[in-house]
N, C-alpha and C. Protein backbone atom coordinates (compact mmCIF):
# COMPACT_ATOMS: atom_id res chain seq x y z
N MET A 1 -35.93 -172.26 -1.48
CA MET A 1 -35.30 -173.58 -1.33
C MET A 1 -34.03 -173.49 -0.48
N SER A 2 -33.73 -174.56 0.24
CA SER A 2 -32.51 -174.61 1.04
C SER A 2 -31.32 -174.90 0.13
N LYS A 3 -30.12 -174.72 0.67
CA LYS A 3 -28.91 -175.01 -0.10
C LYS A 3 -28.90 -176.46 -0.55
N MET A 4 -29.28 -177.37 0.36
CA MET A 4 -29.27 -178.79 0.01
C MET A 4 -30.30 -179.11 -1.07
N SER A 5 -31.44 -178.47 -1.02
CA SER A 5 -32.46 -178.70 -2.05
C SER A 5 -31.95 -178.27 -3.41
N ASP A 6 -31.29 -177.11 -3.44
CA ASP A 6 -30.70 -176.62 -4.70
C ASP A 6 -29.68 -177.61 -5.25
N ILE A 7 -28.83 -178.11 -4.35
CA ILE A 7 -27.78 -179.03 -4.78
C ILE A 7 -28.38 -180.32 -5.34
N LEU A 8 -29.34 -180.88 -4.62
CA LEU A 8 -29.92 -182.16 -5.04
C LEU A 8 -30.73 -182.04 -6.33
N THR A 9 -31.41 -180.91 -6.48
CA THR A 9 -32.17 -180.69 -7.72
C THR A 9 -31.23 -180.60 -8.91
N TYR A 10 -30.17 -179.83 -8.75
CA TYR A 10 -29.18 -179.70 -9.82
C TYR A 10 -28.51 -181.04 -10.10
N ASN A 11 -28.18 -181.77 -9.04
CA ASN A 11 -27.48 -183.04 -9.20
C ASN A 11 -28.29 -184.06 -9.99
N GLU A 12 -29.58 -184.08 -9.75
CA GLU A 12 -30.44 -185.01 -10.49
C GLU A 12 -30.37 -184.75 -11.99
N GLN A 13 -30.36 -183.48 -12.34
CA GLN A 13 -30.25 -183.09 -13.76
C GLN A 13 -28.86 -183.42 -14.30
N PHE A 14 -27.84 -183.15 -13.50
CA PHE A 14 -26.45 -183.41 -13.89
C PHE A 14 -26.25 -184.88 -14.24
N VAL A 15 -26.79 -185.75 -13.40
CA VAL A 15 -26.63 -187.19 -13.63
C VAL A 15 -27.48 -187.67 -14.80
N SER A 16 -28.73 -187.23 -14.84
CA SER A 16 -29.64 -187.71 -15.89
C SER A 16 -29.16 -187.31 -17.29
N GLN A 17 -28.50 -186.15 -17.38
CA GLN A 17 -28.00 -185.69 -18.68
C GLN A 17 -26.56 -186.16 -18.96
N LYS A 18 -26.06 -186.99 -18.07
CA LYS A 18 -24.72 -187.59 -18.22
C LYS A 18 -23.61 -186.56 -18.39
N GLU A 19 -23.76 -185.45 -17.67
CA GLU A 19 -22.72 -184.42 -17.74
C GLU A 19 -21.43 -184.87 -17.08
N TYR A 20 -21.52 -185.93 -16.29
CA TYR A 20 -20.34 -186.45 -15.61
C TYR A 20 -19.34 -187.10 -16.55
N GLU A 21 -19.76 -187.46 -17.73
CA GLU A 21 -18.91 -188.24 -18.63
C GLU A 21 -17.60 -187.52 -18.98
N GLN A 22 -17.64 -186.20 -19.05
CA GLN A 22 -16.43 -185.45 -19.40
C GLN A 22 -15.40 -185.45 -18.26
N TYR A 23 -15.83 -185.88 -17.07
CA TYR A 23 -14.92 -185.87 -15.92
C TYR A 23 -14.43 -187.26 -15.54
N LEU A 24 -14.82 -188.27 -16.28
CA LEU A 24 -14.44 -189.64 -15.93
C LEU A 24 -12.92 -189.82 -15.96
N THR A 25 -12.40 -190.40 -14.90
CA THR A 25 -10.97 -190.67 -14.77
C THR A 25 -10.81 -191.75 -13.71
N ASP A 26 -9.59 -192.00 -13.25
CA ASP A 26 -9.41 -192.95 -12.16
C ASP A 26 -8.79 -192.23 -10.96
N LYS A 27 -8.44 -192.99 -9.92
CA LYS A 27 -7.98 -192.38 -8.68
C LYS A 27 -6.51 -191.98 -8.70
N TYR A 28 -5.78 -192.37 -9.73
CA TYR A 28 -4.36 -192.07 -9.79
C TYR A 28 -4.11 -190.75 -10.52
N PRO A 29 -3.35 -189.83 -9.91
CA PRO A 29 -3.11 -188.53 -10.55
C PRO A 29 -2.24 -188.66 -11.80
N GLU A 30 -2.76 -188.23 -12.92
CA GLU A 30 -2.07 -188.37 -14.20
C GLU A 30 -0.71 -187.68 -14.18
N LYS A 31 -0.63 -186.51 -13.54
CA LYS A 31 0.63 -185.77 -13.49
C LYS A 31 1.43 -186.08 -12.23
N LYS A 32 0.95 -187.03 -11.44
CA LYS A 32 1.66 -187.53 -10.26
C LYS A 32 2.03 -186.42 -9.27
N MET A 33 1.13 -185.46 -9.11
CA MET A 33 1.39 -184.33 -8.21
C MET A 33 0.41 -184.32 -7.04
N VAL A 34 0.92 -183.87 -5.89
CA VAL A 34 0.07 -183.57 -4.74
C VAL A 34 0.16 -182.08 -4.50
N ILE A 35 -0.97 -181.41 -4.46
CA ILE A 35 -0.99 -179.96 -4.24
C ILE A 35 -1.71 -179.66 -2.93
N ILE A 36 -1.03 -178.92 -2.06
CA ILE A 36 -1.64 -178.45 -0.82
C ILE A 36 -1.89 -176.97 -1.00
N THR A 37 -3.12 -176.55 -0.92
CA THR A 37 -3.43 -175.15 -1.17
C THR A 37 -4.52 -174.65 -0.23
N CYS A 38 -4.89 -173.40 -0.39
CA CYS A 38 -5.85 -172.76 0.49
C CYS A 38 -7.28 -173.00 0.01
N MET A 39 -8.22 -172.93 0.95
CA MET A 39 -9.63 -173.14 0.62
C MET A 39 -10.29 -171.88 0.07
N ASP A 40 -9.52 -170.83 -0.16
CA ASP A 40 -10.05 -169.56 -0.64
C ASP A 40 -10.94 -169.76 -1.88
N THR A 41 -12.08 -169.10 -1.88
CA THR A 41 -13.05 -169.26 -2.97
C THR A 41 -12.50 -168.80 -4.32
N ARG A 42 -11.55 -167.88 -4.30
CA ARG A 42 -11.00 -167.36 -5.56
C ARG A 42 -10.14 -168.39 -6.29
N LEU A 43 -9.74 -169.43 -5.58
CA LEU A 43 -8.84 -170.42 -6.17
C LEU A 43 -9.56 -171.66 -6.70
N VAL A 44 -10.85 -171.76 -6.45
CA VAL A 44 -11.58 -172.99 -6.81
C VAL A 44 -11.38 -173.36 -8.28
N GLU A 45 -11.57 -172.41 -9.17
CA GLU A 45 -11.37 -172.67 -10.60
C GLU A 45 -10.06 -172.08 -11.10
N LEU A 46 -9.64 -170.97 -10.49
CA LEU A 46 -8.45 -170.26 -10.97
C LEU A 46 -7.18 -171.10 -10.85
N LEU A 47 -6.97 -171.73 -9.70
CA LEU A 47 -5.72 -172.45 -9.49
C LEU A 47 -5.52 -173.59 -10.49
N PRO A 48 -6.51 -174.47 -10.70
CA PRO A 48 -6.31 -175.52 -11.71
C PRO A 48 -6.04 -174.96 -13.10
N LYS A 49 -6.76 -173.90 -13.46
CA LYS A 49 -6.55 -173.30 -14.78
C LYS A 49 -5.15 -172.71 -14.90
N ALA A 50 -4.71 -172.01 -13.84
CA ALA A 50 -3.41 -171.35 -13.86
C ALA A 50 -2.26 -172.36 -13.88
N MET A 51 -2.52 -173.58 -13.37
CA MET A 51 -1.49 -174.61 -13.32
C MET A 51 -1.67 -175.67 -14.41
N ASN A 52 -2.60 -175.41 -15.32
CA ASN A 52 -2.87 -176.34 -16.43
C ASN A 52 -3.24 -177.73 -15.93
N LEU A 53 -4.17 -177.77 -14.97
CA LEU A 53 -4.63 -179.03 -14.40
C LEU A 53 -6.06 -179.32 -14.82
N ARG A 54 -6.28 -180.55 -15.20
CA ARG A 54 -7.62 -181.01 -15.53
C ARG A 54 -8.04 -182.06 -14.51
N ASN A 55 -9.31 -182.43 -14.55
CA ASN A 55 -9.80 -183.46 -13.65
C ASN A 55 -8.97 -184.74 -13.83
N GLY A 56 -8.44 -185.25 -12.72
CA GLY A 56 -7.63 -186.46 -12.77
C GLY A 56 -6.13 -186.23 -12.82
N ASP A 57 -5.69 -184.97 -12.93
CA ASP A 57 -4.26 -184.69 -13.05
C ASP A 57 -3.51 -184.72 -11.73
N ALA A 58 -4.16 -184.27 -10.64
CA ALA A 58 -3.44 -184.10 -9.38
C ALA A 58 -4.34 -184.37 -8.19
N LYS A 59 -3.70 -184.69 -7.06
CA LYS A 59 -4.40 -184.76 -5.79
C LYS A 59 -4.33 -183.37 -5.16
N ILE A 60 -5.47 -182.79 -4.84
CA ILE A 60 -5.50 -181.44 -4.28
C ILE A 60 -6.07 -181.49 -2.87
N ILE A 61 -5.27 -181.03 -1.92
CA ILE A 61 -5.64 -181.00 -0.50
C ILE A 61 -5.81 -179.54 -0.10
N LYS A 62 -6.96 -179.21 0.48
CA LYS A 62 -7.23 -177.82 0.83
C LYS A 62 -7.49 -177.65 2.33
N ASN A 63 -6.99 -176.55 2.85
CA ASN A 63 -7.35 -176.12 4.20
C ASN A 63 -7.19 -174.61 4.28
N ALA A 64 -7.35 -174.05 5.45
CA ALA A 64 -7.22 -172.60 5.61
C ALA A 64 -5.74 -172.22 5.57
N GLY A 65 -5.31 -171.57 4.50
CA GLY A 65 -3.95 -171.06 4.41
C GLY A 65 -2.89 -172.00 3.89
N ALA A 66 -3.27 -173.21 3.47
CA ALA A 66 -2.28 -174.23 3.04
C ALA A 66 -1.27 -174.47 4.16
N ILE A 67 -1.75 -174.45 5.39
CA ILE A 67 -0.89 -174.57 6.56
C ILE A 67 -0.75 -176.03 6.98
N ILE A 68 0.48 -176.44 7.22
CA ILE A 68 0.74 -177.74 7.84
C ILE A 68 1.24 -177.47 9.24
N SER A 69 0.33 -177.47 10.20
CA SER A 69 0.69 -177.14 11.57
C SER A 69 1.00 -178.37 12.41
N GLN A 70 0.51 -179.53 11.97
CA GLN A 70 0.73 -180.77 12.70
C GLN A 70 1.43 -181.79 11.80
N PRO A 71 2.65 -182.20 12.13
CA PRO A 71 3.36 -183.15 11.27
C PRO A 71 2.67 -184.50 11.15
N PHE A 72 1.81 -184.82 12.12
CA PHE A 72 1.08 -186.08 12.04
C PHE A 72 -0.43 -185.83 12.01
N GLY A 73 -0.82 -184.73 11.37
CA GLY A 73 -2.22 -184.40 11.20
C GLY A 73 -2.76 -184.94 9.89
N SER A 74 -3.99 -184.57 9.58
CA SER A 74 -4.68 -185.13 8.41
C SER A 74 -4.08 -184.69 7.08
N VAL A 75 -3.50 -183.49 7.03
CA VAL A 75 -2.91 -183.02 5.77
C VAL A 75 -1.72 -183.89 5.38
N VAL A 76 -0.81 -184.10 6.32
CA VAL A 76 0.38 -184.91 6.02
C VAL A 76 -0.02 -186.36 5.75
N ARG A 77 -1.00 -186.85 6.48
CA ARG A 77 -1.49 -188.21 6.21
C ARG A 77 -1.97 -188.34 4.77
N SER A 78 -2.71 -187.34 4.31
CA SER A 78 -3.20 -187.36 2.93
C SER A 78 -2.05 -187.33 1.93
N VAL A 79 -1.03 -186.53 2.23
CA VAL A 79 0.14 -186.46 1.36
C VAL A 79 0.82 -187.83 1.27
N LEU A 80 1.01 -188.47 2.41
CA LEU A 80 1.68 -189.77 2.43
C LEU A 80 0.87 -190.84 1.71
N VAL A 81 -0.44 -190.81 1.86
CA VAL A 81 -1.29 -191.76 1.13
C VAL A 81 -1.14 -191.55 -0.37
N ALA A 82 -1.13 -190.29 -0.80
CA ALA A 82 -0.98 -189.98 -2.23
C ALA A 82 0.37 -190.47 -2.76
N LEU A 83 1.41 -190.33 -1.95
CA LEU A 83 2.75 -190.73 -2.39
C LEU A 83 2.93 -192.25 -2.41
N TYR A 84 2.45 -192.90 -1.37
CA TYR A 84 2.70 -194.34 -1.24
C TYR A 84 1.65 -195.23 -1.90
N GLU A 85 0.42 -194.75 -1.96
CA GLU A 85 -0.66 -195.59 -2.47
C GLU A 85 -1.19 -195.16 -3.84
N LEU A 86 -1.02 -193.89 -4.18
CA LEU A 86 -1.65 -193.38 -5.39
C LEU A 86 -0.65 -192.90 -6.44
N GLU A 87 0.62 -193.26 -6.25
CA GLU A 87 1.67 -193.08 -7.26
C GLU A 87 2.06 -191.63 -7.54
N ALA A 88 1.75 -190.72 -6.63
CA ALA A 88 2.25 -189.35 -6.77
C ALA A 88 3.74 -189.34 -6.44
N ASP A 89 4.49 -188.40 -7.01
CA ASP A 89 5.93 -188.36 -6.74
C ASP A 89 6.47 -186.94 -6.57
N GLU A 90 5.57 -185.97 -6.39
CA GLU A 90 6.01 -184.58 -6.24
C GLU A 90 4.95 -183.82 -5.43
N VAL A 91 5.40 -182.90 -4.57
CA VAL A 91 4.48 -182.16 -3.70
C VAL A 91 4.67 -180.66 -3.92
N MET A 92 3.56 -179.94 -3.97
CA MET A 92 3.59 -178.49 -4.12
C MET A 92 2.69 -177.84 -3.08
N VAL A 93 3.27 -176.93 -2.30
CA VAL A 93 2.49 -176.14 -1.34
C VAL A 93 2.22 -174.79 -2.01
N VAL A 94 0.95 -174.48 -2.23
CA VAL A 94 0.60 -173.27 -2.98
C VAL A 94 -0.22 -172.33 -2.09
N GLY A 95 0.44 -171.26 -1.63
CA GLY A 95 -0.27 -170.21 -0.90
C GLY A 95 -0.70 -169.11 -1.86
N HIS A 96 -1.33 -168.08 -1.34
CA HIS A 96 -1.76 -166.99 -2.22
C HIS A 96 -1.73 -165.66 -1.49
N TYR A 97 -1.55 -164.61 -2.26
CA TYR A 97 -1.58 -163.26 -1.70
C TYR A 97 -2.99 -162.93 -1.24
N GLY A 98 -3.08 -162.08 -0.22
CA GLY A 98 -4.38 -161.69 0.31
C GLY A 98 -5.07 -162.81 1.08
N CYS A 99 -4.27 -163.72 1.64
CA CYS A 99 -4.84 -164.86 2.38
C CYS A 99 -5.43 -164.40 3.71
N GLY A 100 -6.59 -164.93 4.04
CA GLY A 100 -7.27 -164.57 5.28
C GLY A 100 -6.56 -165.05 6.53
N MET A 101 -5.60 -165.97 6.37
CA MET A 101 -4.86 -166.47 7.53
C MET A 101 -3.71 -165.55 7.91
N THR A 102 -3.44 -164.55 7.08
CA THR A 102 -2.38 -163.59 7.40
C THR A 102 -2.82 -162.71 8.56
N GLY A 103 -2.08 -162.78 9.66
CA GLY A 103 -2.41 -161.97 10.82
C GLY A 103 -3.71 -162.36 11.50
N LEU A 104 -4.17 -163.58 11.28
CA LEU A 104 -5.44 -164.02 11.88
C LEU A 104 -5.37 -163.92 13.40
N ASN A 105 -6.40 -163.31 13.99
CA ASN A 105 -6.45 -163.12 15.44
C ASN A 105 -7.31 -164.21 16.07
N SER A 106 -6.66 -165.12 16.78
CA SER A 106 -7.40 -166.24 17.38
C SER A 106 -8.37 -165.77 18.45
N GLU A 107 -8.06 -164.64 19.09
CA GLU A 107 -8.97 -164.10 20.12
C GLU A 107 -10.32 -163.76 19.50
N HIS A 108 -10.31 -163.22 18.29
CA HIS A 108 -11.56 -162.88 17.61
C HIS A 108 -12.38 -164.12 17.31
N ILE A 109 -11.71 -165.20 16.92
CA ILE A 109 -12.43 -166.43 16.61
C ILE A 109 -13.08 -166.99 17.87
N VAL A 110 -12.33 -167.01 18.96
CA VAL A 110 -12.87 -167.53 20.22
C VAL A 110 -14.05 -166.68 20.68
N GLU A 111 -13.94 -165.37 20.53
CA GLU A 111 -15.04 -164.49 20.94
C GLU A 111 -16.28 -164.74 20.08
N LYS A 112 -16.08 -164.95 18.79
CA LYS A 112 -17.22 -165.24 17.91
C LYS A 112 -17.84 -166.59 18.25
N ALA A 113 -17.01 -167.53 18.68
CA ALA A 113 -17.53 -168.84 19.10
C ALA A 113 -18.42 -168.68 20.32
N ARG A 114 -18.01 -167.81 21.24
CA ARG A 114 -18.84 -167.54 22.42
C ARG A 114 -20.19 -166.97 22.01
N LYS A 115 -20.15 -166.01 21.08
CA LYS A 115 -21.40 -165.38 20.64
C LYS A 115 -22.31 -166.36 19.90
N ARG A 116 -21.71 -167.41 19.33
CA ARG A 116 -22.50 -168.42 18.61
C ARG A 116 -22.95 -169.55 19.52
N GLY A 117 -22.67 -169.42 20.82
CA GLY A 117 -23.20 -170.39 21.77
C GLY A 117 -22.22 -171.35 22.40
N VAL A 118 -20.93 -171.23 22.10
CA VAL A 118 -19.95 -172.10 22.74
C VAL A 118 -19.69 -171.58 24.15
N ASP A 119 -19.96 -172.41 25.14
CA ASP A 119 -19.88 -172.00 26.54
C ASP A 119 -18.44 -171.88 27.01
N ASP A 120 -18.21 -170.95 27.95
CA ASP A 120 -16.88 -170.78 28.52
C ASP A 120 -16.40 -172.05 29.21
N VAL A 121 -17.33 -172.83 29.72
CA VAL A 121 -16.97 -174.10 30.36
C VAL A 121 -16.27 -175.02 29.36
N VAL A 122 -16.78 -175.03 28.14
CA VAL A 122 -16.17 -175.84 27.08
C VAL A 122 -14.77 -175.34 26.77
N LEU A 123 -14.62 -174.03 26.64
CA LEU A 123 -13.32 -173.45 26.34
C LEU A 123 -12.33 -173.72 27.46
N ASP A 124 -12.78 -173.60 28.70
CA ASP A 124 -11.91 -173.88 29.85
C ASP A 124 -11.51 -175.35 29.89
N THR A 125 -12.45 -176.23 29.57
CA THR A 125 -12.16 -177.66 29.57
C THR A 125 -11.09 -178.00 28.54
N LEU A 126 -11.21 -177.40 27.36
CA LEU A 126 -10.20 -177.62 26.32
C LEU A 126 -8.83 -177.15 26.78
N THR A 127 -8.80 -175.97 27.38
CA THR A 127 -7.53 -175.42 27.87
C THR A 127 -6.93 -176.30 28.95
N ASN A 128 -7.76 -176.75 29.89
CA ASN A 128 -7.29 -177.60 30.99
C ASN A 128 -6.88 -178.99 30.51
N SER A 129 -7.34 -179.36 29.32
CA SER A 129 -6.96 -180.66 28.75
C SER A 129 -5.65 -180.59 27.98
N GLY A 130 -5.05 -179.40 27.97
CA GLY A 130 -3.77 -179.24 27.31
C GLY A 130 -3.86 -178.77 25.87
N ILE A 131 -5.06 -178.43 25.42
CA ILE A 131 -5.23 -177.95 24.05
C ILE A 131 -4.94 -176.45 24.00
N LYS A 132 -3.92 -176.09 23.26
CA LYS A 132 -3.55 -174.68 23.13
C LYS A 132 -4.40 -174.06 22.03
N LEU A 133 -5.60 -173.67 22.40
CA LEU A 133 -6.60 -173.23 21.43
C LEU A 133 -6.13 -172.05 20.59
N HIS A 134 -5.53 -171.06 21.24
CA HIS A 134 -5.11 -169.86 20.51
C HIS A 134 -3.95 -170.16 19.56
N HIS A 135 -3.09 -171.07 19.97
CA HIS A 135 -1.99 -171.48 19.08
C HIS A 135 -2.54 -172.25 17.88
N TRP A 136 -3.51 -173.11 18.15
CA TRP A 136 -4.11 -173.94 17.11
C TRP A 136 -4.86 -173.11 16.07
N LEU A 137 -5.48 -172.02 16.51
CA LEU A 137 -6.31 -171.21 15.62
C LEU A 137 -5.55 -170.10 14.90
N ARG A 138 -4.31 -169.86 15.29
CA ARG A 138 -3.61 -168.72 14.71
C ARG A 138 -3.18 -168.98 13.27
N GLY A 139 -2.92 -167.89 12.53
CA GLY A 139 -2.47 -168.01 11.16
C GLY A 139 -0.97 -167.78 11.07
N PHE A 140 -0.55 -166.88 10.16
CA PHE A 140 0.86 -166.57 10.01
C PHE A 140 1.03 -165.07 9.81
N ASP A 141 2.26 -164.58 9.99
CA ASP A 141 2.52 -163.15 9.85
C ASP A 141 2.50 -162.71 8.39
N ASN A 142 3.03 -163.55 7.51
CA ASN A 142 2.95 -163.26 6.07
C ASN A 142 2.89 -164.57 5.31
N VAL A 143 2.25 -164.53 4.16
CA VAL A 143 1.97 -165.76 3.42
C VAL A 143 3.25 -166.42 2.90
N HIS A 144 4.25 -165.63 2.59
CA HIS A 144 5.53 -166.17 2.12
C HIS A 144 6.13 -167.10 3.17
N GLU A 145 6.19 -166.62 4.40
CA GLU A 145 6.74 -167.44 5.48
C GLU A 145 5.83 -168.61 5.81
N GLY A 146 4.52 -168.40 5.65
CA GLY A 146 3.57 -169.48 5.89
C GLY A 146 3.82 -170.66 4.96
N VAL A 147 4.04 -170.38 3.68
CA VAL A 147 4.32 -171.44 2.71
C VAL A 147 5.65 -172.12 3.04
N LEU A 148 6.67 -171.33 3.34
CA LEU A 148 7.99 -171.91 3.63
C LEU A 148 7.95 -172.79 4.87
N ASN A 149 7.18 -172.41 5.88
CA ASN A 149 7.06 -173.24 7.08
C ASN A 149 6.43 -174.59 6.76
N SER A 150 5.40 -174.56 5.91
CA SER A 150 4.75 -175.82 5.52
C SER A 150 5.71 -176.69 4.71
N VAL A 151 6.47 -176.07 3.84
CA VAL A 151 7.46 -176.80 3.04
C VAL A 151 8.50 -177.45 3.96
N ARG A 152 8.98 -176.70 4.94
CA ARG A 152 9.99 -177.24 5.87
C ARG A 152 9.45 -178.42 6.65
N THR A 153 8.21 -178.30 7.11
CA THR A 153 7.59 -179.38 7.88
C THR A 153 7.55 -180.67 7.07
N LEU A 154 7.19 -180.55 5.81
CA LEU A 154 7.13 -181.74 4.95
C LEU A 154 8.52 -182.30 4.66
N ARG A 155 9.46 -181.43 4.32
CA ARG A 155 10.80 -181.90 3.97
C ARG A 155 11.47 -182.63 5.12
N LYS A 156 11.18 -182.22 6.34
CA LYS A 156 11.81 -182.82 7.51
C LYS A 156 11.04 -184.02 8.05
N HIS A 157 9.91 -184.34 7.43
CA HIS A 157 9.07 -185.40 7.98
C HIS A 157 9.76 -186.76 7.84
N PRO A 158 9.79 -187.54 8.91
CA PRO A 158 10.51 -188.82 8.88
C PRO A 158 9.91 -189.86 7.93
N LEU A 159 8.65 -189.69 7.54
CA LEU A 159 8.00 -190.66 6.66
C LEU A 159 7.98 -190.22 5.20
N LEU A 160 8.50 -189.04 4.90
CA LEU A 160 8.53 -188.58 3.51
C LEU A 160 9.67 -189.28 2.76
N PRO A 161 9.40 -189.87 1.60
CA PRO A 161 10.48 -190.49 0.82
C PRO A 161 11.55 -189.45 0.50
N ASN A 162 12.81 -189.86 0.56
CA ASN A 162 13.89 -188.88 0.38
C ASN A 162 14.13 -188.48 -1.06
N ASP A 163 13.34 -189.04 -1.99
CA ASP A 163 13.49 -188.65 -3.40
C ASP A 163 12.32 -187.81 -3.90
N VAL A 164 11.48 -187.34 -2.99
CA VAL A 164 10.30 -186.56 -3.38
C VAL A 164 10.57 -185.07 -3.23
N PRO A 165 10.53 -184.31 -4.32
CA PRO A 165 10.70 -182.86 -4.22
C PRO A 165 9.46 -182.19 -3.63
N VAL A 166 9.69 -181.26 -2.73
CA VAL A 166 8.60 -180.48 -2.13
C VAL A 166 8.84 -179.02 -2.49
N HIS A 167 7.93 -178.43 -3.24
CA HIS A 167 8.07 -177.06 -3.72
C HIS A 167 7.16 -176.11 -2.94
N GLY A 168 7.52 -174.84 -2.93
CA GLY A 168 6.66 -173.80 -2.38
C GLY A 168 6.33 -172.79 -3.46
N LEU A 169 5.05 -172.45 -3.61
CA LEU A 169 4.61 -171.50 -4.63
C LEU A 169 3.64 -170.50 -4.04
N LEU A 170 3.57 -169.34 -4.67
CA LEU A 170 2.58 -168.32 -4.33
C LEU A 170 1.82 -167.95 -5.60
N ILE A 171 0.50 -167.88 -5.49
CA ILE A 171 -0.33 -167.53 -6.64
C ILE A 171 -1.07 -166.23 -6.37
N ASN A 172 -1.17 -165.40 -7.39
CA ASN A 172 -1.97 -164.18 -7.31
C ASN A 172 -3.43 -164.57 -7.52
N PRO A 173 -4.31 -164.32 -6.55
CA PRO A 173 -5.70 -164.77 -6.66
C PRO A 173 -6.53 -163.99 -7.66
N GLU A 174 -5.94 -162.97 -8.26
CA GLU A 174 -6.66 -162.20 -9.29
C GLU A 174 -6.20 -162.59 -10.69
N THR A 175 -4.88 -162.64 -10.88
CA THR A 175 -4.34 -162.90 -12.22
C THR A 175 -3.95 -164.36 -12.45
N GLY A 176 -3.73 -165.09 -11.36
CA GLY A 176 -3.27 -166.47 -11.49
C GLY A 176 -1.76 -166.59 -11.66
N ALA A 177 -1.04 -165.47 -11.65
CA ALA A 177 0.42 -165.51 -11.79
C ALA A 177 1.04 -166.27 -10.63
N ILE A 178 2.02 -167.13 -10.94
CA ILE A 178 2.62 -168.00 -9.93
C ILE A 178 4.09 -167.65 -9.73
N GLU A 179 4.52 -167.62 -8.46
CA GLU A 179 5.92 -167.45 -8.10
C GLU A 179 6.41 -168.74 -7.46
N TRP A 180 7.59 -169.17 -7.87
CA TRP A 180 8.21 -170.37 -7.32
C TRP A 180 9.19 -169.93 -6.24
N ILE A 181 8.83 -170.09 -4.99
CA ILE A 181 9.65 -169.53 -3.90
C ILE A 181 10.48 -170.58 -3.16
N ALA A 182 10.21 -171.85 -3.38
CA ALA A 182 11.00 -172.91 -2.76
C ALA A 182 11.17 -174.03 -3.78
N ASP A 183 12.41 -174.22 -4.22
CA ASP A 183 12.73 -175.17 -5.28
C ASP A 183 13.02 -176.55 -4.69
N GLY A 184 12.11 -177.48 -4.87
CA GLY A 184 12.30 -178.82 -4.33
C GLY A 184 13.41 -179.60 -5.01
N TYR A 185 13.63 -179.35 -6.30
CA TYR A 185 14.71 -180.03 -7.03
C TYR A 185 16.07 -179.60 -6.48
N ARG A 186 16.23 -178.31 -6.31
CA ARG A 186 17.51 -177.78 -5.79
C ARG A 186 17.77 -178.31 -4.38
N TYR A 187 16.71 -178.36 -3.59
CA TYR A 187 16.86 -178.84 -2.21
C TYR A 187 17.36 -180.28 -2.20
N LEU A 188 16.80 -181.14 -3.05
CA LEU A 188 17.23 -182.53 -3.11
C LEU A 188 18.68 -182.64 -3.59
N GLU A 189 19.05 -181.80 -4.57
CA GLU A 189 20.43 -181.80 -5.06
C GLU A 189 21.39 -181.41 -3.94
N ASP A 190 21.02 -180.37 -3.19
CA ASP A 190 21.88 -179.91 -2.09
C ASP A 190 22.01 -180.99 -1.02
N GLN A 191 20.91 -181.68 -0.72
CA GLN A 191 20.95 -182.74 0.28
C GLN A 191 21.84 -183.89 -0.19
N THR A 192 21.75 -184.23 -1.46
CA THR A 192 22.57 -185.31 -2.02
C THR A 192 24.05 -184.95 -1.96
N GLN A 193 24.37 -183.71 -2.33
CA GLN A 193 25.76 -183.26 -2.30
C GLN A 193 26.31 -183.26 -0.87
N ALA A 194 25.47 -182.83 0.08
CA ALA A 194 25.89 -182.80 1.48
C ALA A 194 26.16 -184.21 1.99
N THR A 195 25.32 -185.16 1.57
CA THR A 195 25.51 -186.55 1.98
C THR A 195 26.79 -187.13 1.40
N HIS A 196 27.04 -186.84 0.12
CA HIS A 196 28.25 -187.34 -0.53
C HIS A 196 29.49 -186.73 0.12
N SER A 197 29.40 -185.46 0.49
CA SER A 197 30.53 -184.80 1.13
C SER A 197 30.85 -185.44 2.47
N THR A 198 29.80 -185.77 3.22
CA THR A 198 29.98 -186.42 4.52
C THR A 198 30.58 -187.81 4.34
N ASP A 199 30.08 -188.54 3.34
CA ASP A 199 30.60 -189.88 3.07
C ASP A 199 32.08 -189.83 2.69
N ASP A 200 32.45 -188.83 1.88
CA ASP A 200 33.85 -188.69 1.46
C ASP A 200 34.75 -188.46 2.67
N LYS A 201 34.28 -187.63 3.60
CA LYS A 201 35.09 -187.33 4.79
C LYS A 201 35.24 -188.56 5.67
N GLU A 202 34.18 -189.38 5.74
CA GLU A 202 34.25 -190.59 6.56
C GLU A 202 35.22 -191.61 5.97
N HIS A 203 35.27 -191.66 4.62
CA HIS A 203 36.17 -192.61 3.97
C HIS A 203 37.59 -192.07 3.84
N ASN A 204 37.75 -190.75 3.99
CA ASN A 204 39.06 -190.13 3.89
C ASN A 204 39.23 -189.15 5.04
N PRO A 205 39.60 -189.64 6.22
CA PRO A 205 39.69 -188.79 7.42
C PRO A 205 40.58 -187.57 7.24
N SER A 206 41.56 -187.64 6.34
CA SER A 206 42.47 -186.51 6.15
C SER A 206 41.75 -185.27 5.65
N MET A 207 40.54 -185.44 5.05
CA MET A 207 39.79 -184.30 4.53
C MET A 207 39.27 -183.42 5.65
N THR A 208 39.16 -183.96 6.86
CA THR A 208 38.60 -183.19 7.96
C THR A 208 39.68 -182.48 8.76
N ARG A 209 40.94 -182.73 8.43
CA ARG A 209 42.04 -182.12 9.18
C ARG A 209 42.34 -180.72 8.70
């Protein structure tokens, strides 16, 4: 049987036996969280369990490496929809050790694309159209910096509400242990203090002398 045949056969049984009932919820995240994480197969069940998440608790956005490379790409759009339309109020970028995007060689991907039938004419056309293919396909040097870069991109985004904390976390894909490497609460506190300090100086010019 093909993969699709297997899926459809199982699905028919799943529905007929009403196994879906235990997953019934609505579109609003109960814990009001948006999680951006990696598509790694080891995290499919581990990450929700390690973070005490059940169906309906959070909006989970996945891609290769939990990377936000485009400030106006689909990942950020999904985050903004979750914040403005679906009542989420906190964002977490969760990377993991042993990520395949660490040191990813874009040259290897392009070469494999050629072997799978993508013509050089297509690659040249993309390049001549201004698409930086190798930049687009690259990963990061280490997962720690990869998560922090994604966190920075979100925090600096002009459409992100200024009261939304954005955290950075790393998860061990074997044990589920989580490290909190970027504190969104502290960042907001620091930003608020910096704003108040600037306001004080504007209202009291002698403070700047």
